[in-house]
N, C-alpha and C. Protein backbone atom coordinates (compact mmCIF):
# COMPACT_ATOMS: atom_id res chain seq x y z
N UNK A 1 10.29 12.68 -10.10
CA UNK A 1 10.14 12.71 -11.14
C UNK A 1 11.09 13.07 -12.11
N UNK A 2 11.31 14.63 -12.46
CA UNK A 2 12.67 14.79 -13.47
C UNK A 2 13.42 14.21 -13.18
N UNK A 3 14.84 13.99 -12.17
CA UNK A 3 15.78 13.31 -12.32
C UNK A 3 14.77 12.49 -13.04
N UNK A 4 14.46 11.01 -12.61
CA UNK A 4 13.84 10.27 -12.91
C UNK A 4 13.82 10.02 -14.82
N UNK A 5 13.51 11.38 -15.09
CA UNK A 5 12.94 11.45 -16.98
C UNK A 5 13.85 11.87 -17.10
N UNK A 6 15.30 12.44 -16.73
CA UNK A 6 16.33 13.03 -17.49
C UNK A 6 16.85 11.83 -17.37
N UNK A 7 17.16 10.73 -16.55
CA UNK A 7 17.53 9.56 -16.76
C UNK A 7 17.17 7.99 -17.75
N UNK A 8 16.03 8.67 -18.40
CA UNK A 8 15.29 7.41 -18.77
C UNK A 8 14.96 7.04 -20.72
N UNK A 9 16.42 8.06 -20.93
CA UNK A 9 16.72 7.07 -22.35
C UNK A 9 18.08 5.85 -22.27
N UNK A 10 17.94 5.05 -20.84
CA UNK A 10 18.55 4.04 -20.39
C UNK A 10 19.91 3.62 -20.69
N UNK A 11 20.58 5.05 -21.31
CA UNK A 11 21.90 4.66 -21.18
C UNK A 11 22.62 5.17 -19.31
N UNK A 12 24.01 5.23 -19.39
CA UNK A 12 24.15 5.36 -18.34
C UNK A 12 24.81 6.39 -17.70
N UNK A 13 24.95 6.93 -16.62
CA UNK A 13 25.18 9.13 -16.28
C UNK A 13 25.77 8.89 -14.88
N UNK A 14 26.25 9.83 -14.85
CA UNK A 14 27.28 10.18 -14.29
C UNK A 14 25.83 11.21 -13.29
N UNK A 15 25.90 11.43 -11.87
CA UNK A 15 25.10 11.90 -11.11
C UNK A 15 25.25 13.08 -11.15
N UNK A 16 26.23 13.32 -11.30
CA UNK A 16 26.37 15.46 -12.56
C UNK A 16 25.54 15.41 -13.69
N UNK A 17 25.18 14.61 -14.08
CA UNK A 17 24.49 14.77 -15.99
C UNK A 17 23.32 15.23 -15.57
N UNK A 18 22.37 14.42 -14.62
CA UNK A 18 20.82 14.59 -14.89
C UNK A 18 20.89 16.49 -13.62
N UNK A 19 21.66 16.75 -13.11
CA UNK A 19 22.33 17.71 -12.41
C UNK A 19 22.73 19.06 -12.98
N UNK A 20 23.36 19.02 -14.08
CA UNK A 20 23.19 19.68 -14.80
C UNK A 20 22.00 20.09 -16.08
N UNK A 21 21.29 19.17 -16.70
CA UNK A 21 20.16 18.90 -17.11
C UNK A 21 19.86 19.46 -17.04
N UNK A 22 19.31 19.13 -15.47
CA UNK A 22 17.78 19.68 -14.80
C UNK A 22 18.34 21.54 -14.21
N UNK A 23 19.89 22.11 -14.31
CA UNK A 23 19.48 23.31 -13.73
C UNK A 23 19.51 22.81 -11.82
N UNK A 24 19.80 21.67 -11.12
CA UNK A 24 19.91 22.00 -9.75
C UNK A 24 21.66 21.25 -9.08
N UNK A 25 21.44 21.22 -8.17
CA UNK A 25 22.66 20.58 -6.97
C UNK A 25 22.33 19.35 -7.30
N UNK A 26 24.09 19.05 -7.51
CA UNK A 26 24.46 17.63 -7.65
C UNK A 26 24.14 16.75 -6.37
N UNK A 27 23.91 17.94 -5.23
CA UNK A 27 23.74 16.98 -3.64
C UNK A 27 22.55 16.37 -3.80
N UNK A 28 21.74 17.42 -4.69
CA UNK A 28 20.20 17.04 -4.81
C UNK A 28 19.77 15.93 -5.53
N UNK A 29 20.29 15.65 -6.27
CA UNK A 29 20.77 14.55 -7.63
C UNK A 29 20.79 13.42 -6.61
N UNK A 30 21.46 13.95 -5.79
CA UNK A 30 22.26 12.77 -5.43
C UNK A 30 21.33 11.37 -4.28
N UNK A 31 20.62 12.25 -3.76
CA UNK A 31 19.27 12.28 -2.95
C UNK A 31 18.43 11.70 -3.21
N UNK A 32 17.63 12.55 -4.32
CA UNK A 32 16.94 11.48 -5.13
C UNK A 32 17.37 10.50 -5.37
N UNK A 33 18.42 10.08 -6.64
CA UNK A 33 19.20 9.03 -6.76
C UNK A 33 18.80 7.75 -6.03
N UNK A 34 19.46 8.74 -4.98
CA UNK A 34 19.32 6.90 -3.54
C UNK A 34 18.02 6.45 -3.35
N UNK A 35 17.17 7.61 -3.40
CA UNK A 35 15.54 6.81 -3.23
C UNK A 35 15.30 6.19 -4.31
N UNK A 36 15.17 7.24 -5.66
CA UNK A 36 15.57 5.41 -6.66
C UNK A 36 15.93 4.87 -6.59
N UNK A 37 17.65 4.41 -5.58
CA UNK A 37 18.22 3.08 -5.98
C UNK A 37 17.70 2.35 -5.45
N UNK A 38 17.05 2.69 -4.35
CA UNK A 38 16.07 1.80 -2.77
C UNK A 38 14.59 1.20 -3.66
N UNK A 39 14.38 2.42 -4.44
CA UNK A 39 12.62 1.97 -5.00
C UNK A 39 12.84 0.68 -5.78
N UNK A 40 13.92 0.38 -6.38
CA UNK A 40 13.99 0.42 -7.50
C UNK A 40 13.94 0.79 -9.18
N UNK A 41 13.58 2.04 -9.23
CA UNK A 41 13.99 2.45 -10.77
C UNK A 41 14.69 2.41 -11.01
N UNK A 42 15.68 2.83 -10.44
CA UNK A 42 17.44 2.55 -11.34
C UNK A 42 18.37 1.98 -10.77
N UNK A 43 19.25 1.83 -11.94
CA UNK A 43 20.50 0.60 -11.06
C UNK A 43 22.06 1.12 -11.23
N UNK A 44 22.98 1.35 -10.10
CA UNK A 44 23.56 1.21 -10.91
C UNK A 44 24.97 0.67 -11.03
N UNK A 45 25.95 1.12 -12.36
CA UNK A 45 26.76 0.42 -13.40
C UNK A 45 27.79 0.08 -12.08
N UNK A 46 28.85 0.83 -10.82
CA UNK A 46 29.84 0.94 -10.27
C UNK A 46 28.85 1.54 -8.97
N UNK A 47 30.27 1.89 -7.68
CA UNK A 47 29.76 1.85 -6.94
C UNK A 47 28.26 3.11 -6.24
N UNK A 48 27.75 2.50 -5.98
CA UNK A 48 26.84 3.13 -5.94
C UNK A 48 26.42 3.43 -4.39
N UNK A 49 26.11 4.73 -3.91
CA UNK A 49 25.50 5.39 -2.94
C UNK A 49 26.63 6.93 -3.88
N UNK A 50 26.10 7.45 -2.12
CA UNK A 50 27.08 8.77 -2.55
C UNK A 50 28.65 9.56 -3.21
N UNK A 51 28.82 8.57 -3.49
CA UNK A 51 30.14 8.93 -3.85
C UNK A 51 30.34 8.67 -5.22
N UNK A 52 29.98 7.77 -5.22
CA UNK A 52 30.07 7.72 -7.12
C UNK A 52 29.61 6.69 -8.05
N UNK A 53 29.29 5.83 -9.17
CA UNK A 53 28.45 5.19 -9.75
C UNK A 53 27.89 6.38 -10.73
N UNK A 54 27.75 5.61 -12.10
CA UNK A 54 26.58 5.52 -13.27
C UNK A 54 25.53 4.63 -13.40
N UNK A 55 24.32 6.22 -13.01
CA UNK A 55 23.20 5.49 -12.95
C UNK A 55 22.42 5.33 -14.71
N UNK A 56 22.04 3.82 -13.94
CA UNK A 56 20.78 4.06 -15.40
C UNK A 56 18.78 3.64 -14.67
N UNK A 57 18.21 3.97 -15.68
CA UNK A 57 16.91 3.73 -15.38
C UNK A 57 16.64 2.55 -15.25
N UNK A 58 15.49 1.43 -14.80
CA UNK A 58 15.40 0.35 -15.23
C UNK A 58 14.20 0.17 -15.53
């Protein structure tokens, strides 16, 4: 839920931004964001998955 909260402002974010803000590893953020994508809590503005993407909360 912390990652979703970090994306909550509605703006587009790289997956590295919440990692830096929450002081957790980018790979951990990627795993959580991938789960949030599947659940429909976030959408990606660009290519999704672990390689790239600007994601926003929905």
